[in-house]
N, C-alpha and C. Protein backbone atom coordinates (compact mmCIF):
# COMPACT_ATOMS: atom_id res chain seq x y z
N MET A 1 141.89 -8.18 100.07
CA MET A 1 143.00 -8.54 99.19
C MET A 1 142.97 -7.69 97.92
N LYS A 2 141.76 -7.52 97.36
CA LYS A 2 141.62 -6.71 96.13
C LYS A 2 142.04 -5.27 96.39
N ARG A 3 141.65 -4.73 97.55
CA ARG A 3 142.01 -3.34 97.88
C ARG A 3 143.52 -3.19 98.02
N LEU A 4 144.18 -4.13 98.68
CA LEU A 4 145.64 -4.09 98.83
C LEU A 4 146.30 -4.17 97.45
N PHE A 5 145.82 -5.07 96.60
CA PHE A 5 146.31 -5.20 95.23
C PHE A 5 146.19 -3.86 94.50
N ASP A 6 145.04 -3.19 94.63
CA ASP A 6 144.80 -1.90 93.97
C ASP A 6 145.77 -0.83 94.44
N VAL A 7 145.94 -0.73 95.75
CA VAL A 7 146.80 0.33 96.30
C VAL A 7 148.25 0.12 95.88
N VAL A 8 148.76 -1.09 96.01
CA VAL A 8 150.15 -1.38 95.64
C VAL A 8 150.36 -1.11 94.16
N LEU A 9 149.46 -1.60 93.32
CA LEU A 9 149.60 -1.40 91.87
C LEU A 9 149.47 0.08 91.49
N ALA A 10 148.61 0.82 92.18
CA ALA A 10 148.46 2.25 91.89
C ALA A 10 149.73 3.02 92.24
N VAL A 11 150.32 2.73 93.38
CA VAL A 11 151.56 3.41 93.78
C VAL A 11 152.68 3.10 92.79
N VAL A 12 152.83 1.83 92.43
CA VAL A 12 153.86 1.44 91.45
C VAL A 12 153.59 2.13 90.11
N SER A 13 152.34 2.19 89.69
CA SER A 13 151.98 2.81 88.41
C SER A 13 152.30 4.30 88.39
N VAL A 14 152.02 4.99 89.49
CA VAL A 14 152.33 6.42 89.57
C VAL A 14 153.84 6.64 89.39
N ILE A 15 154.63 5.81 90.02
CA ILE A 15 156.09 5.93 89.91
C ILE A 15 156.56 5.60 88.49
N VAL A 16 156.11 4.48 87.95
CA VAL A 16 156.56 4.03 86.62
C VAL A 16 156.12 4.99 85.51
N PHE A 17 154.90 5.53 85.63
CA PHE A 17 154.35 6.35 84.55
C PHE A 17 154.43 7.85 84.83
N ALA A 18 155.23 8.27 85.79
CA ALA A 18 155.34 9.69 86.13
C ALA A 18 155.80 10.53 84.94
N ILE A 19 156.81 10.08 84.22
CA ILE A 19 157.32 10.85 83.08
C ILE A 19 156.30 10.90 81.94
N PRO A 20 155.71 9.77 81.51
CA PRO A 20 154.66 9.88 80.49
C PRO A 20 153.50 10.80 80.90
N MET A 21 153.12 10.77 82.18
CA MET A 21 152.05 11.66 82.63
C MET A 21 152.47 13.12 82.55
N LEU A 22 153.72 13.41 82.86
CA LEU A 22 154.22 14.78 82.74
C LEU A 22 154.20 15.24 81.28
N ILE A 23 154.57 14.35 80.36
CA ILE A 23 154.54 14.67 78.93
C ILE A 23 153.10 14.96 78.48
N ILE A 24 152.14 14.18 78.97
CA ILE A 24 150.74 14.41 78.64
C ILE A 24 150.29 15.78 79.14
N VAL A 25 150.66 16.12 80.37
CA VAL A 25 150.31 17.43 80.94
C VAL A 25 150.85 18.54 80.04
N LEU A 26 152.10 18.43 79.63
CA LEU A 26 152.69 19.46 78.77
C LEU A 26 151.99 19.52 77.42
N ALA A 27 151.65 18.38 76.83
CA ALA A 27 150.98 18.36 75.53
C ALA A 27 149.61 19.04 75.60
N ILE A 28 148.87 18.78 76.66
CA ILE A 28 147.55 19.41 76.82
C ILE A 28 147.71 20.91 76.98
N LYS A 29 148.68 21.32 77.81
CA LYS A 29 148.93 22.75 78.03
C LYS A 29 149.35 23.45 76.74
N ILE A 30 150.25 22.83 75.98
CA ILE A 30 150.74 23.44 74.74
C ILE A 30 149.61 23.56 73.72
N GLU A 31 148.78 22.53 73.62
CA GLU A 31 147.71 22.56 72.61
C GLU A 31 146.67 23.64 72.87
N GLY A 32 146.24 23.77 74.12
CA GLY A 32 145.15 24.71 74.32
C GLY A 32 145.12 25.42 75.65
N GLY A 33 146.13 25.21 76.46
CA GLY A 33 146.11 25.83 77.78
C GLY A 33 144.94 25.30 78.59
N GLY A 34 144.49 26.10 79.51
CA GLY A 34 143.35 25.69 80.32
C GLY A 34 143.71 24.58 81.29
N CYS A 35 142.67 24.04 81.87
CA CYS A 35 142.83 23.00 82.88
C CYS A 35 143.27 21.69 82.23
N VAL A 36 144.21 21.03 82.86
CA VAL A 36 144.74 19.76 82.35
C VAL A 36 143.85 18.60 82.76
N LEU A 37 143.27 18.69 83.93
CA LEU A 37 142.42 17.62 84.44
C LEU A 37 140.95 17.92 84.18
N PHE A 38 140.22 16.87 83.95
CA PHE A 38 138.78 16.93 83.78
C PHE A 38 138.17 16.15 84.93
N ARG A 39 137.24 16.76 85.62
CA ARG A 39 136.57 16.08 86.73
C ARG A 39 135.08 16.06 86.45
N GLN A 40 134.49 14.92 86.73
CA GLN A 40 133.06 14.78 86.45
C GLN A 40 132.45 13.83 87.48
N GLU A 41 131.24 14.12 87.88
CA GLU A 41 130.58 13.26 88.85
C GLU A 41 130.15 11.95 88.19
N ARG A 42 130.49 10.86 88.86
CA ARG A 42 130.07 9.53 88.45
C ARG A 42 129.47 8.84 89.67
N ILE A 43 128.75 7.78 89.42
CA ILE A 43 128.16 7.01 90.52
C ILE A 43 129.03 5.77 90.73
N GLY A 44 129.40 5.54 91.97
CA GLY A 44 130.34 4.46 92.25
C GLY A 44 129.86 3.47 93.29
N TYR A 45 130.81 3.03 94.09
CA TYR A 45 130.60 2.00 95.10
C TYR A 45 129.43 2.37 96.02
N LYS A 46 128.53 1.43 96.24
CA LYS A 46 127.35 1.59 97.08
C LYS A 46 126.41 2.70 96.58
N GLY A 47 126.52 3.04 95.28
CA GLY A 47 125.66 4.05 94.67
C GLY A 47 126.00 5.47 95.04
N LYS A 48 127.19 5.67 95.60
CA LYS A 48 127.59 7.01 96.03
C LYS A 48 128.28 7.76 94.89
N PRO A 49 127.97 9.05 94.75
CA PRO A 49 128.65 9.84 93.72
C PRO A 49 130.10 10.14 94.12
N PHE A 50 130.96 10.24 93.13
CA PHE A 50 132.35 10.67 93.36
C PHE A 50 132.80 11.42 92.11
N MET A 51 133.90 12.13 92.25
CA MET A 51 134.44 12.91 91.13
C MET A 51 135.56 12.11 90.46
N ILE A 52 135.30 11.66 89.24
CA ILE A 52 136.31 10.92 88.49
C ILE A 52 137.30 11.92 87.91
N CYS A 53 138.57 11.55 87.86
CA CYS A 53 139.61 12.41 87.29
C CYS A 53 140.13 11.78 86.00
N LYS A 54 140.28 12.61 84.99
CA LYS A 54 140.87 12.19 83.73
C LYS A 54 141.71 13.34 83.20
N PHE A 55 142.60 13.02 82.27
CA PHE A 55 143.23 14.10 81.53
C PHE A 55 142.19 14.65 80.57
N ARG A 56 142.14 15.96 80.44
CA ARG A 56 141.15 16.60 79.57
C ARG A 56 141.40 16.20 78.12
N SER A 57 140.38 15.68 77.47
CA SER A 57 140.51 15.26 76.07
C SER A 57 139.58 16.05 75.15
N MET A 58 138.71 16.86 75.74
CA MET A 58 137.78 17.66 74.94
C MET A 58 138.05 19.14 75.18
N HIS A 59 137.48 19.96 74.31
CA HIS A 59 137.56 21.40 74.52
C HIS A 59 136.89 21.75 75.84
N SER A 60 137.35 22.80 76.47
CA SER A 60 136.88 23.16 77.82
C SER A 60 135.38 23.31 77.94
N ASN A 61 134.72 23.79 76.90
CA ASN A 61 133.28 24.05 76.97
C ASN A 61 132.46 22.98 76.25
N ALA A 62 132.94 21.75 76.22
CA ALA A 62 132.34 20.68 75.41
C ALA A 62 130.87 20.39 75.73
N GLU A 63 130.48 20.50 76.98
CA GLU A 63 129.09 20.19 77.33
C GLU A 63 128.39 21.35 77.99
N MET A 64 128.88 22.56 77.74
CA MET A 64 128.25 23.72 78.36
C MET A 64 126.80 23.86 77.91
N ASN A 65 125.90 23.99 78.86
CA ASN A 65 124.48 24.20 78.60
C ASN A 65 123.86 23.12 77.71
N GLN A 66 124.36 21.92 77.76
CA GLN A 66 123.80 20.82 76.98
C GLN A 66 123.62 19.62 77.90
N GLU A 67 122.71 18.73 77.50
CA GLU A 67 122.61 17.50 78.27
C GLU A 67 123.78 16.62 77.88
N PRO A 68 124.18 15.71 78.75
CA PRO A 68 125.34 14.84 78.46
C PRO A 68 125.13 14.05 77.16
N LYS A 69 126.22 13.87 76.43
CA LYS A 69 126.19 13.09 75.20
C LYS A 69 127.28 12.03 75.27
N LEU A 70 127.02 10.89 74.65
CA LEU A 70 128.04 9.86 74.54
C LEU A 70 129.06 10.32 73.51
N CYS A 71 130.33 10.04 73.78
CA CYS A 71 131.41 10.48 72.90
C CYS A 71 131.68 9.42 71.83
N LYS A 72 131.65 9.84 70.58
CA LYS A 72 131.96 8.96 69.45
C LYS A 72 133.43 9.19 69.07
N PRO A 73 134.07 8.22 68.38
CA PRO A 73 135.49 8.39 68.03
C PRO A 73 135.79 9.64 67.19
N ASP A 74 134.82 10.07 66.35
CA ASP A 74 135.05 11.25 65.50
C ASP A 74 134.40 12.51 66.07
N ASP A 75 134.13 12.52 67.38
CA ASP A 75 133.46 13.63 68.05
C ASP A 75 134.25 14.92 67.86
N LYS A 76 133.56 15.96 67.41
CA LYS A 76 134.20 17.27 67.15
C LYS A 76 134.62 17.96 68.45
N ARG A 77 134.13 17.50 69.58
CA ARG A 77 134.50 18.11 70.86
C ARG A 77 135.90 17.70 71.30
N LEU A 78 136.45 16.62 70.71
CA LEU A 78 137.78 16.14 71.08
C LEU A 78 138.86 17.06 70.53
N THR A 79 139.89 17.32 71.33
CA THR A 79 141.06 18.04 70.83
C THR A 79 141.95 17.02 70.10
N LYS A 80 142.97 17.50 69.40
CA LYS A 80 143.89 16.57 68.71
C LYS A 80 144.63 15.70 69.73
N VAL A 81 145.14 16.34 70.77
CA VAL A 81 145.83 15.59 71.83
C VAL A 81 144.83 14.66 72.50
N GLY A 82 143.63 15.16 72.75
CA GLY A 82 142.59 14.37 73.41
C GLY A 82 142.20 13.14 72.61
N SER A 83 142.14 13.28 71.31
CA SER A 83 141.81 12.13 70.46
C SER A 83 142.88 11.05 70.58
N PHE A 84 144.15 11.46 70.60
CA PHE A 84 145.26 10.52 70.79
C PHE A 84 145.17 9.85 72.17
N LEU A 85 144.92 10.66 73.19
CA LEU A 85 144.82 10.13 74.56
C LEU A 85 143.69 9.10 74.66
N ARG A 86 142.56 9.41 74.05
CA ARG A 86 141.42 8.49 74.10
C ARG A 86 141.71 7.20 73.35
N THR A 87 142.34 7.32 72.18
CA THR A 87 142.64 6.15 71.36
C THR A 87 143.47 5.14 72.14
N TYR A 88 144.45 5.64 72.89
CA TYR A 88 145.35 4.76 73.64
C TYR A 88 145.02 4.70 75.14
N HIS A 89 143.86 5.25 75.51
CA HIS A 89 143.35 5.20 76.89
C HIS A 89 144.29 5.88 77.90
N LEU A 90 145.08 6.82 77.42
CA LEU A 90 146.02 7.53 78.29
C LEU A 90 145.32 8.59 79.14
N ASP A 91 144.12 8.98 78.75
CA ASP A 91 143.37 9.96 79.54
C ASP A 91 142.95 9.40 80.90
N GLU A 92 143.09 8.08 81.07
CA GLU A 92 142.65 7.42 82.30
C GLU A 92 143.68 7.49 83.44
N PHE A 93 144.91 7.87 83.15
CA PHE A 93 145.97 7.87 84.19
C PHE A 93 145.56 8.56 85.50
N PRO A 94 144.91 9.73 85.47
CA PRO A 94 144.57 10.37 86.75
C PRO A 94 143.63 9.56 87.63
N GLN A 95 143.01 8.51 87.09
CA GLN A 95 142.14 7.68 87.91
C GLN A 95 142.94 6.86 88.92
N LEU A 96 144.26 6.85 88.77
CA LEU A 96 145.09 6.23 89.81
C LEU A 96 144.83 6.92 91.15
N TRP A 97 144.57 8.23 91.10
CA TRP A 97 144.25 8.99 92.31
C TRP A 97 142.92 8.49 92.88
N ASN A 98 141.93 8.25 92.00
CA ASN A 98 140.65 7.71 92.47
C ASN A 98 140.82 6.36 93.14
N ILE A 99 141.76 5.55 92.64
CA ILE A 99 142.03 4.25 93.26
C ILE A 99 142.63 4.46 94.65
N LEU A 100 143.61 5.34 94.76
CA LEU A 100 144.25 5.58 96.05
C LEU A 100 143.25 6.11 97.08
N LEU A 101 142.26 6.88 96.62
CA LEU A 101 141.23 7.40 97.53
C LEU A 101 140.19 6.34 97.90
N GLY A 102 140.23 5.18 97.25
CA GLY A 102 139.27 4.12 97.53
C GLY A 102 137.97 4.26 96.77
N GLU A 103 137.90 5.18 95.80
CA GLU A 103 136.68 5.39 95.03
C GLU A 103 136.58 4.43 93.85
N MET A 104 137.73 3.94 93.40
CA MET A 104 137.76 3.05 92.25
C MET A 104 138.70 1.88 92.52
N SER A 105 138.66 0.92 91.62
CA SER A 105 139.53 -0.24 91.65
C SER A 105 140.22 -0.32 90.28
N PHE A 106 141.24 -1.15 90.15
CA PHE A 106 141.84 -1.33 88.83
C PHE A 106 140.86 -2.01 87.89
N VAL A 107 140.14 -3.00 88.39
CA VAL A 107 139.20 -3.74 87.54
C VAL A 107 137.82 -3.70 88.18
N GLY A 108 136.84 -3.38 87.35
CA GLY A 108 135.45 -3.33 87.79
C GLY A 108 134.62 -2.69 86.70
N PRO A 109 133.34 -2.57 86.91
CA PRO A 109 132.49 -1.91 85.91
C PRO A 109 132.93 -0.46 85.75
N ARG A 110 132.91 0.04 84.52
CA ARG A 110 133.25 1.45 84.32
C ARG A 110 132.21 2.33 85.00
N PRO A 111 132.64 3.38 85.70
CA PRO A 111 131.67 4.25 86.38
C PRO A 111 130.91 5.09 85.35
N GLU A 112 129.65 5.30 85.62
CA GLU A 112 128.81 6.01 84.66
C GLU A 112 128.18 7.23 85.32
N ARG A 113 127.71 8.14 84.50
CA ARG A 113 126.99 9.32 84.99
C ARG A 113 125.54 8.94 85.30
N LYS A 114 124.97 9.61 86.30
CA LYS A 114 123.59 9.33 86.71
C LYS A 114 122.63 9.49 85.54
N PHE A 115 122.86 10.46 84.69
CA PHE A 115 122.01 10.71 83.52
C PHE A 115 121.84 9.43 82.69
N PHE A 116 122.95 8.72 82.45
CA PHE A 116 122.89 7.50 81.65
C PHE A 116 122.42 6.30 82.47
N ILE A 117 122.77 6.27 83.75
CA ILE A 117 122.30 5.18 84.61
C ILE A 117 120.77 5.17 84.65
N ASP A 118 120.17 6.35 84.77
CA ASP A 118 118.70 6.43 84.80
C ASP A 118 118.10 5.84 83.53
N GLN A 119 118.72 6.10 82.38
CA GLN A 119 118.21 5.54 81.12
C GLN A 119 118.40 4.03 81.06
N ILE A 120 119.55 3.56 81.52
CA ILE A 120 119.82 2.12 81.52
C ILE A 120 118.84 1.40 82.44
N MET A 121 118.60 1.98 83.62
CA MET A 121 117.74 1.31 84.61
C MET A 121 116.28 1.24 84.16
N GLN A 122 115.86 2.12 83.26
CA GLN A 122 114.50 2.01 82.70
C GLN A 122 114.38 0.75 81.85
N LEU A 123 115.50 0.34 81.26
CA LEU A 123 115.51 -0.84 80.39
C LEU A 123 115.94 -2.10 81.14
N ASN A 124 116.83 -1.93 82.15
CA ASN A 124 117.30 -3.08 82.92
C ASN A 124 117.67 -2.62 84.34
N PRO A 125 116.74 -2.77 85.29
CA PRO A 125 116.99 -2.30 86.66
C PRO A 125 118.09 -3.05 87.40
N GLN A 126 118.64 -4.10 86.79
CA GLN A 126 119.71 -4.86 87.44
C GLN A 126 121.00 -4.04 87.57
N TYR A 127 121.07 -2.90 86.89
CA TYR A 127 122.27 -2.06 86.99
C TYR A 127 122.64 -1.81 88.45
N GLU A 128 121.63 -1.64 89.28
CA GLU A 128 121.84 -1.34 90.71
C GLU A 128 122.73 -2.37 91.40
N ARG A 129 122.76 -3.60 90.92
CA ARG A 129 123.60 -4.65 91.52
C ARG A 129 125.09 -4.31 91.42
N LEU A 130 125.46 -3.52 90.42
CA LEU A 130 126.87 -3.17 90.22
C LEU A 130 127.41 -2.30 91.35
N TYR A 131 126.52 -1.70 92.14
CA TYR A 131 126.96 -0.86 93.25
C TYR A 131 127.68 -1.67 94.33
N ALA A 132 127.65 -2.98 94.22
CA ALA A 132 128.37 -3.85 95.18
C ALA A 132 129.87 -3.84 94.91
N LEU A 133 130.28 -3.31 93.76
CA LEU A 133 131.70 -3.27 93.38
C LEU A 133 132.19 -1.84 93.23
N ARG A 134 133.47 -1.64 93.50
CA ARG A 134 134.07 -0.36 93.15
C ARG A 134 134.20 -0.32 91.62
N PRO A 135 133.91 0.82 91.00
CA PRO A 135 134.11 0.89 89.55
C PRO A 135 135.58 0.79 89.21
N GLY A 136 135.90 0.39 87.98
CA GLY A 136 137.28 0.15 87.61
C GLY A 136 137.77 0.97 86.43
N ILE A 137 139.10 1.09 86.35
CA ILE A 137 139.75 1.66 85.17
C ILE A 137 139.67 0.63 84.04
N PHE A 138 139.96 -0.63 84.38
CA PHE A 138 139.90 -1.73 83.42
C PHE A 138 138.58 -2.45 83.62
N SER A 139 138.04 -2.93 82.51
CA SER A 139 136.77 -3.62 82.57
C SER A 139 136.74 -4.68 81.48
N GLU A 140 136.28 -5.85 81.86
CA GLU A 140 136.13 -6.92 80.87
C GLU A 140 135.18 -6.47 79.76
N ALA A 141 134.15 -5.72 80.13
CA ALA A 141 133.18 -5.25 79.15
C ALA A 141 133.82 -4.28 78.16
N THR A 142 134.69 -3.39 78.62
CA THR A 142 135.37 -2.47 77.70
C THR A 142 136.31 -3.24 76.79
N LEU A 143 136.99 -4.23 77.34
CA LEU A 143 137.92 -5.04 76.55
C LEU A 143 137.21 -5.71 75.38
N TYR A 144 136.04 -6.28 75.62
CA TYR A 144 135.34 -7.05 74.59
C TYR A 144 134.21 -6.29 73.90
N ASN A 145 133.72 -5.21 74.51
CA ASN A 145 132.58 -4.48 73.97
C ASN A 145 132.97 -3.08 73.51
N GLY A 146 134.17 -2.62 73.86
CA GLY A 146 134.64 -1.29 73.46
C GLY A 146 133.99 -0.18 74.28
N TYR A 147 134.32 1.05 73.90
CA TYR A 147 133.68 2.21 74.53
C TYR A 147 132.20 2.16 74.23
N THR A 148 131.39 2.61 75.17
CA THR A 148 129.95 2.58 74.97
C THR A 148 129.49 3.91 74.38
N ASP A 149 129.23 3.90 73.09
CA ASP A 149 128.76 5.11 72.43
C ASP A 149 127.31 4.98 71.95
N THR A 150 126.64 3.89 72.36
CA THR A 150 125.21 3.71 72.07
C THR A 150 124.56 3.05 73.28
N MET A 151 123.25 3.18 73.39
CA MET A 151 122.52 2.55 74.48
C MET A 151 122.59 1.02 74.35
N GLU A 152 122.58 0.53 73.13
CA GLU A 152 122.70 -0.92 72.90
C GLU A 152 124.00 -1.45 73.50
N LYS A 153 125.12 -0.72 73.29
CA LYS A 153 126.40 -1.14 73.86
C LYS A 153 126.39 -1.03 75.38
N MET A 154 125.68 -0.03 75.90
CA MET A 154 125.60 0.11 77.36
C MET A 154 124.89 -1.09 77.98
N LEU A 155 123.84 -1.57 77.34
CA LEU A 155 123.10 -2.72 77.86
C LEU A 155 123.93 -4.00 77.74
N ARG A 156 124.69 -4.12 76.65
CA ARG A 156 125.58 -5.28 76.49
C ARG A 156 126.67 -5.23 77.56
N ARG A 157 127.20 -4.01 77.81
CA ARG A 157 128.22 -3.85 78.85
C ARG A 157 127.65 -4.23 80.21
N LEU A 158 126.41 -3.86 80.48
CA LEU A 158 125.78 -4.20 81.75
C LEU A 158 125.74 -5.72 81.94
N ASP A 159 125.35 -6.45 80.91
CA ASP A 159 125.33 -7.92 81.01
C ASP A 159 126.71 -8.47 81.35
N MET A 160 127.75 -7.93 80.70
CA MET A 160 129.12 -8.40 80.95
C MET A 160 129.58 -8.03 82.36
N ASP A 161 129.20 -6.82 82.80
CA ASP A 161 129.58 -6.38 84.16
C ASP A 161 128.88 -7.24 85.22
N LEU A 162 127.64 -7.62 84.97
CA LEU A 162 126.93 -8.49 85.92
C LEU A 162 127.59 -9.86 85.97
N ASP A 163 128.08 -10.34 84.84
CA ASP A 163 128.82 -11.61 84.82
C ASP A 163 130.12 -11.48 85.63
N TYR A 164 130.82 -10.33 85.47
CA TYR A 164 132.04 -10.09 86.26
C TYR A 164 131.70 -10.07 87.76
N LEU A 165 130.60 -9.44 88.12
CA LEU A 165 130.17 -9.38 89.52
C LEU A 165 130.04 -10.79 90.11
N GLU A 166 129.53 -11.72 89.33
CA GLU A 166 129.33 -13.09 89.80
C GLU A 166 130.63 -13.91 89.87
N HIS A 167 131.64 -13.55 89.07
CA HIS A 167 132.82 -14.41 88.93
C HIS A 167 134.16 -13.71 89.21
N HIS A 168 134.14 -12.50 89.76
CA HIS A 168 135.41 -11.77 89.90
C HIS A 168 136.35 -12.44 90.91
N SER A 169 137.65 -12.28 90.61
CA SER A 169 138.72 -12.81 91.47
C SER A 169 140.00 -12.04 91.14
N ILE A 170 141.00 -12.15 91.98
CA ILE A 170 142.29 -11.50 91.70
C ILE A 170 142.89 -12.06 90.41
N ALA A 171 142.77 -13.36 90.20
CA ALA A 171 143.30 -13.98 88.98
C ALA A 171 142.61 -13.42 87.74
N LEU A 172 141.29 -13.26 87.80
CA LEU A 172 140.56 -12.69 86.67
C LEU A 172 140.96 -11.23 86.46
N ASP A 173 141.14 -10.47 87.56
CA ASP A 173 141.58 -9.08 87.44
C ASP A 173 142.93 -8.98 86.74
N ILE A 174 143.87 -9.82 87.13
CA ILE A 174 145.20 -9.81 86.49
C ILE A 174 145.07 -10.13 85.00
N LYS A 175 144.22 -11.10 84.68
CA LYS A 175 144.00 -11.47 83.27
C LYS A 175 143.43 -10.28 82.48
N ILE A 176 142.45 -9.59 83.05
CA ILE A 176 141.82 -8.45 82.37
C ILE A 176 142.83 -7.32 82.18
N ILE A 177 143.63 -7.03 83.21
CA ILE A 177 144.66 -5.99 83.10
C ILE A 177 145.65 -6.36 82.00
N TRP A 178 146.12 -7.61 82.01
CA TRP A 178 147.09 -8.07 81.02
C TRP A 178 146.52 -7.98 79.59
N LEU A 179 145.32 -8.52 79.39
CA LEU A 179 144.72 -8.53 78.05
C LEU A 179 144.43 -7.12 77.54
N THR A 180 143.97 -6.24 78.43
CA THR A 180 143.70 -4.86 78.04
C THR A 180 144.99 -4.14 77.68
N THR A 181 146.02 -4.29 78.51
CA THR A 181 147.31 -3.65 78.23
C THR A 181 147.87 -4.16 76.91
N TRP A 182 147.81 -5.47 76.69
CA TRP A 182 148.31 -6.05 75.44
C TRP A 182 147.52 -5.52 74.25
N SER A 183 146.21 -5.41 74.40
CA SER A 183 145.37 -4.91 73.31
C SER A 183 145.73 -3.47 72.96
N ILE A 184 145.94 -2.63 73.98
CA ILE A 184 146.30 -1.23 73.74
C ILE A 184 147.66 -1.15 73.06
N LEU A 185 148.65 -1.90 73.58
CA LEU A 185 150.00 -1.87 73.01
C LEU A 185 150.05 -2.42 71.59
N SER A 186 149.17 -3.36 71.28
CA SER A 186 149.15 -3.94 69.93
C SER A 186 148.29 -3.13 68.96
N GLY A 187 147.70 -2.04 69.44
CA GLY A 187 146.98 -1.13 68.55
C GLY A 187 145.50 -1.42 68.37
N LYS A 188 144.94 -2.32 69.17
CA LYS A 188 143.51 -2.61 69.04
C LYS A 188 142.70 -1.38 69.45
N LYS A 189 141.74 -1.04 68.64
CA LYS A 189 140.85 0.11 68.94
C LYS A 189 139.59 -0.41 69.61
N PHE A 190 139.28 0.15 70.77
CA PHE A 190 138.02 -0.22 71.42
C PHE A 190 137.50 0.94 72.22
């Protein structure tokens, strides 16, 4: 049922948001050219890696020859358009493709990079339990805990994601989507 809900909502979203996505593509191209999409390996359902898609919000060489870093709101690697996209979570639109491919769901734990998962699991090995769910665009933990820019927030997010794992339902998913959308439209920063 959850998978059917995801596919139907993803198809409707692609149709409804086609024009805003086209405007985002043009804005990224005008600002700096280069690739519009950013792809990065994340760990997902059943612990399998997949390539997450986002609109590019950082300069093309943001992590060249460096270990991964958590992105802070004032990160110098963000472009002007990218900062706007991140603030309003518009960089997430290409993940609709990940949903259609079955790699993600609308609601679930946010997918993370192996580099950070390894650090989290040293502190709390329960992270592995999240592999029972497809990662999501929307997350109860992101709604209430914000973007994770510290290890402390990552551990708090893990606790919230484990709670979601125990209590998830279509009704809860609809509530999380609604509350997150309302928060973004009302200007809440997270």
